Amino acid sequence: MPLEKPYLDIPGTTVFDAEQARKGYWLNQFCMSLMHPENRARFKADERAYLDGWAMTEAQKRAVLARDLNAAIGEGGNIYFLAKLGFTDGRNFQQMAASMTGMTEAEYRDMMVAGGRSIEGNRVVGEDGDAQAYRQPQGSGHAGWVP
């Protein structure tokens, strides 16, 4: 019997639970491999060939190649592991977070300095706030992020 997951109704949020951890195991292991300079060099030399050496799903590989962090998280990626991918590309965490919102880095920074997204309309999916699931960026997920 599956566990009840009331947190699935949090707008714009994928909770990294045990199911997500199992789903993203190899994706996250790939990310951890990027901690070693020789692996970063191999990855940057031929990204697809390096990814094909991991037991990742095709959807996970596409998310990595597109630098679509939202898709990678949906495929079981943990942002703290995925940060290794961003750092490999010379991106900081603020740039990565901005890419996930569809904002520029400056817009994202200004929003966070002002206190972040408003809770109004964002408590549960369907309240019509700016973090609603249907408003989350789709596609490349890397506004201006060119590795």
Protein backbone atom coordinates (compact mmCIF):
# COMPACT_ATOMS: atom_id res chain seq x y z
CA MET A 1 0.00 0.00 0.00
CA PRO A 2 1.57 3.33 -1.07
CA LEU A 3 2.19 6.03 1.49
CA GLU A 4 -0.13 9.03 1.53
CA LYS A 5 1.72 12.09 0.24
CA PRO A 6 -0.21 15.26 1.12
CA TYR A 7 2.84 17.30 0.12
CA LEU A 8 2.25 16.60 -3.58
CA ASP A 9 -0.05 19.64 -3.60
CA ILE A 10 2.69 22.21 -2.86
CA PRO A 11 2.87 24.58 -5.86
CA GLY A 12 6.12 24.55 -7.79
CA THR A 13 7.69 21.98 -5.45
CA THR A 14 8.93 18.43 -5.90
CA VAL A 15 9.66 16.89 -2.52
CA PHE A 16 12.75 14.68 -2.57
CA ASP A 17 11.32 11.65 -0.79
CA ALA A 18 12.32 7.98 -0.86
CA GLU A 19 10.52 7.40 -4.16
CA GLN A 20 12.33 10.32 -5.81
CA ALA A 21 15.62 9.13 -4.32
CA ARG A 22 15.17 5.68 -5.88
CA LYS A 23 14.09 7.19 -9.21
CA GLY A 24 17.10 9.51 -9.37
CA TYR A 25 19.78 7.27 -7.91
CA TRP A 26 21.95 7.05 -11.06
CA LEU A 27 21.31 10.67 -12.04
CA ASN A 28 22.55 11.79 -8.64
CA GLN A 29 25.52 9.41 -8.79
CA PHE A 30 26.47 10.92 -12.15
CA CYS A 31 26.33 14.38 -10.57
CA MET A 32 28.56 13.26 -7.71
CA SER A 33 31.08 11.95 -10.23
CA LEU A 34 31.59 15.56 -11.33
CA MET A 35 33.39 16.27 -8.07
CA HIS A 36 36.51 14.77 -9.66
CA PRO A 37 38.38 16.94 -12.19
CA GLU A 38 39.09 14.01 -14.51
CA ASN A 39 35.38 13.18 -14.69
CA ARG A 40 34.46 16.81 -15.38
CA ALA A 41 36.96 16.84 -18.23
CA ARG A 42 35.57 13.59 -19.69
CA PHE A 43 32.01 14.91 -19.40
CA LYS A 44 32.84 18.24 -21.02
CA ALA A 45 34.72 16.51 -23.86
CA ASP A 46 31.70 14.38 -24.88
CA GLU A 47 28.65 14.84 -22.69
CA ARG A 48 26.48 12.24 -24.39
CA ALA A 49 29.17 9.54 -24.31
CA TYR A 50 29.83 10.21 -20.62
CA LEU A 51 26.12 10.07 -19.80
CA ASP A 52 25.73 6.82 -21.74
CA GLY A 53 28.11 5.24 -19.25
CA TRP A 54 25.50 5.67 -16.52
CA ALA A 55 22.32 3.63 -15.99
CA MET A 56 20.18 6.76 -16.28
CA THR A 57 16.88 6.95 -18.13
CA GLU A 58 16.75 8.74 -21.46
CA ALA A 59 14.60 11.45 -19.84
CA GLN A 60 17.29 12.03 -17.21
CA LYS A 61 19.99 12.26 -19.87
CA ARG A 62 17.91 14.74 -21.90
CA ALA A 63 17.38 16.89 -18.80
CA VAL A 64 21.14 16.97 -18.17
CA LEU A 65 22.00 17.75 -21.79
CA ALA A 66 19.43 20.59 -21.85
CA ARG A 67 20.52 21.78 -18.38
CA ASP A 68 16.81 21.65 -17.51
CA LEU A 69 17.04 21.49 -13.72
CA ASN A 70 13.25 21.42 -13.30
CA ALA A 71 13.03 18.32 -15.50
CA ALA A 72 16.01 16.75 -13.72
CA ILE A 73 14.34 17.26 -10.35
CA GLY A 74 11.15 15.72 -11.74
CA GLU A 75 13.26 12.74 -12.79
CA GLY A 76 14.60 12.23 -9.26
CA GLY A 77 17.48 14.67 -9.20
CA ASN A 78 18.36 16.32 -5.92
CA ILE A 79 19.30 19.98 -6.23
CA TYR A 80 22.35 19.54 -4.01
CA PHE A 81 23.67 16.87 -6.38
CA LEU A 82 22.57 18.79 -9.49
CA ALA A 83 24.58 21.76 -8.23
CA LYS A 84 27.69 19.81 -9.29
CA LEU A 85 26.45 20.02 -12.89
CA GLY A 86 25.99 23.77 -12.63
CA PHE A 87 29.39 24.24 -11.03
CA THR A 88 30.92 22.17 -13.85
CA ASP A 89 29.51 24.76 -16.25
CA GLY A 90 30.83 27.63 -14.15
CA ARG A 91 27.40 28.58 -12.77
CA ASN A 92 26.69 29.54 -9.18
CA PHE A 93 23.67 28.47 -7.21
CA GLN A 94 21.87 31.78 -7.70
CA GLN A 95 22.20 31.47 -11.48
CA MET A 96 20.89 27.91 -11.35
CA ALA A 97 17.92 28.87 -9.17
CA ALA A 98 17.07 31.77 -11.49
CA SER A 99 17.10 29.38 -14.47
CA MET A 100 14.49 27.26 -12.71
CA THR A 101 12.07 30.18 -12.33
CA GLY A 102 12.32 31.63 -15.83
CA MET A 103 13.70 34.84 -14.34
CA THR A 104 16.97 36.53 -15.06
CA GLU A 105 19.59 36.28 -12.34
CA ALA A 106 18.95 39.93 -11.38
CA GLU A 107 15.17 39.41 -11.20
CA TYR A 108 15.62 36.31 -9.07
CA ARG A 109 18.07 38.07 -6.74
CA ASP A 110 15.75 41.05 -6.36
CA MET A 111 12.79 38.76 -5.59
CA MET A 112 14.76 36.93 -2.91
CA VAL A 113 16.12 40.14 -1.37
CA ALA A 114 12.52 41.40 -1.20
CA GLY A 115 11.50 38.29 0.75
CA GLY A 116 10.89 35.65 -1.93
CA ARG A 117 7.62 34.61 -3.54
CA SER A 118 4.48 35.68 -1.79
CA ILE A 119 2.70 32.92 0.13
CA GLU A 120 -0.61 34.41 -1.06
CA GLY A 121 -2.07 32.11 -3.68
CA ASN A 122 0.76 29.60 -3.28
CA ARG A 123 -0.31 27.37 -0.40
CA VAL A 124 -1.88 24.63 -2.52
CA VAL A 125 -2.08 23.98 -6.25
CA GLY A 126 -5.06 25.81 -7.75
CA GLU A 127 -4.88 29.02 -5.69
CA ASP A 128 -3.62 30.95 -8.74
CA GLY A 129 -0.35 32.21 -7.27
CA ASP A 130 2.86 32.77 -9.20
CA ALA A 131 4.38 29.44 -8.05
CA GLN A 132 1.50 27.32 -9.35
CA ALA A 133 2.53 24.14 -11.13
CA TYR A 134 1.03 25.25 -14.45
CA ARG A 135 3.09 28.45 -14.31
CA GLN A 136 6.45 26.74 -13.80
CA PRO A 137 8.85 27.21 -16.71
CA GLN A 138 8.89 24.44 -19.28
CA GLY A 139 11.39 23.55 -21.96
CA SER A 140 15.06 24.25 -21.57
CA GLY A 141 14.87 25.49 -17.99
CA HIS A 142 18.09 27.44 -18.43
CA ALA A 143 17.15 31.01 -19.28
CA GLY A 144 20.39 32.34 -20.65
CA TRP A 145 22.34 29.34 -19.39
CA VAL A 146 24.62 28.23 -22.18
CA PRO A 147 27.21 25.72 -20.93
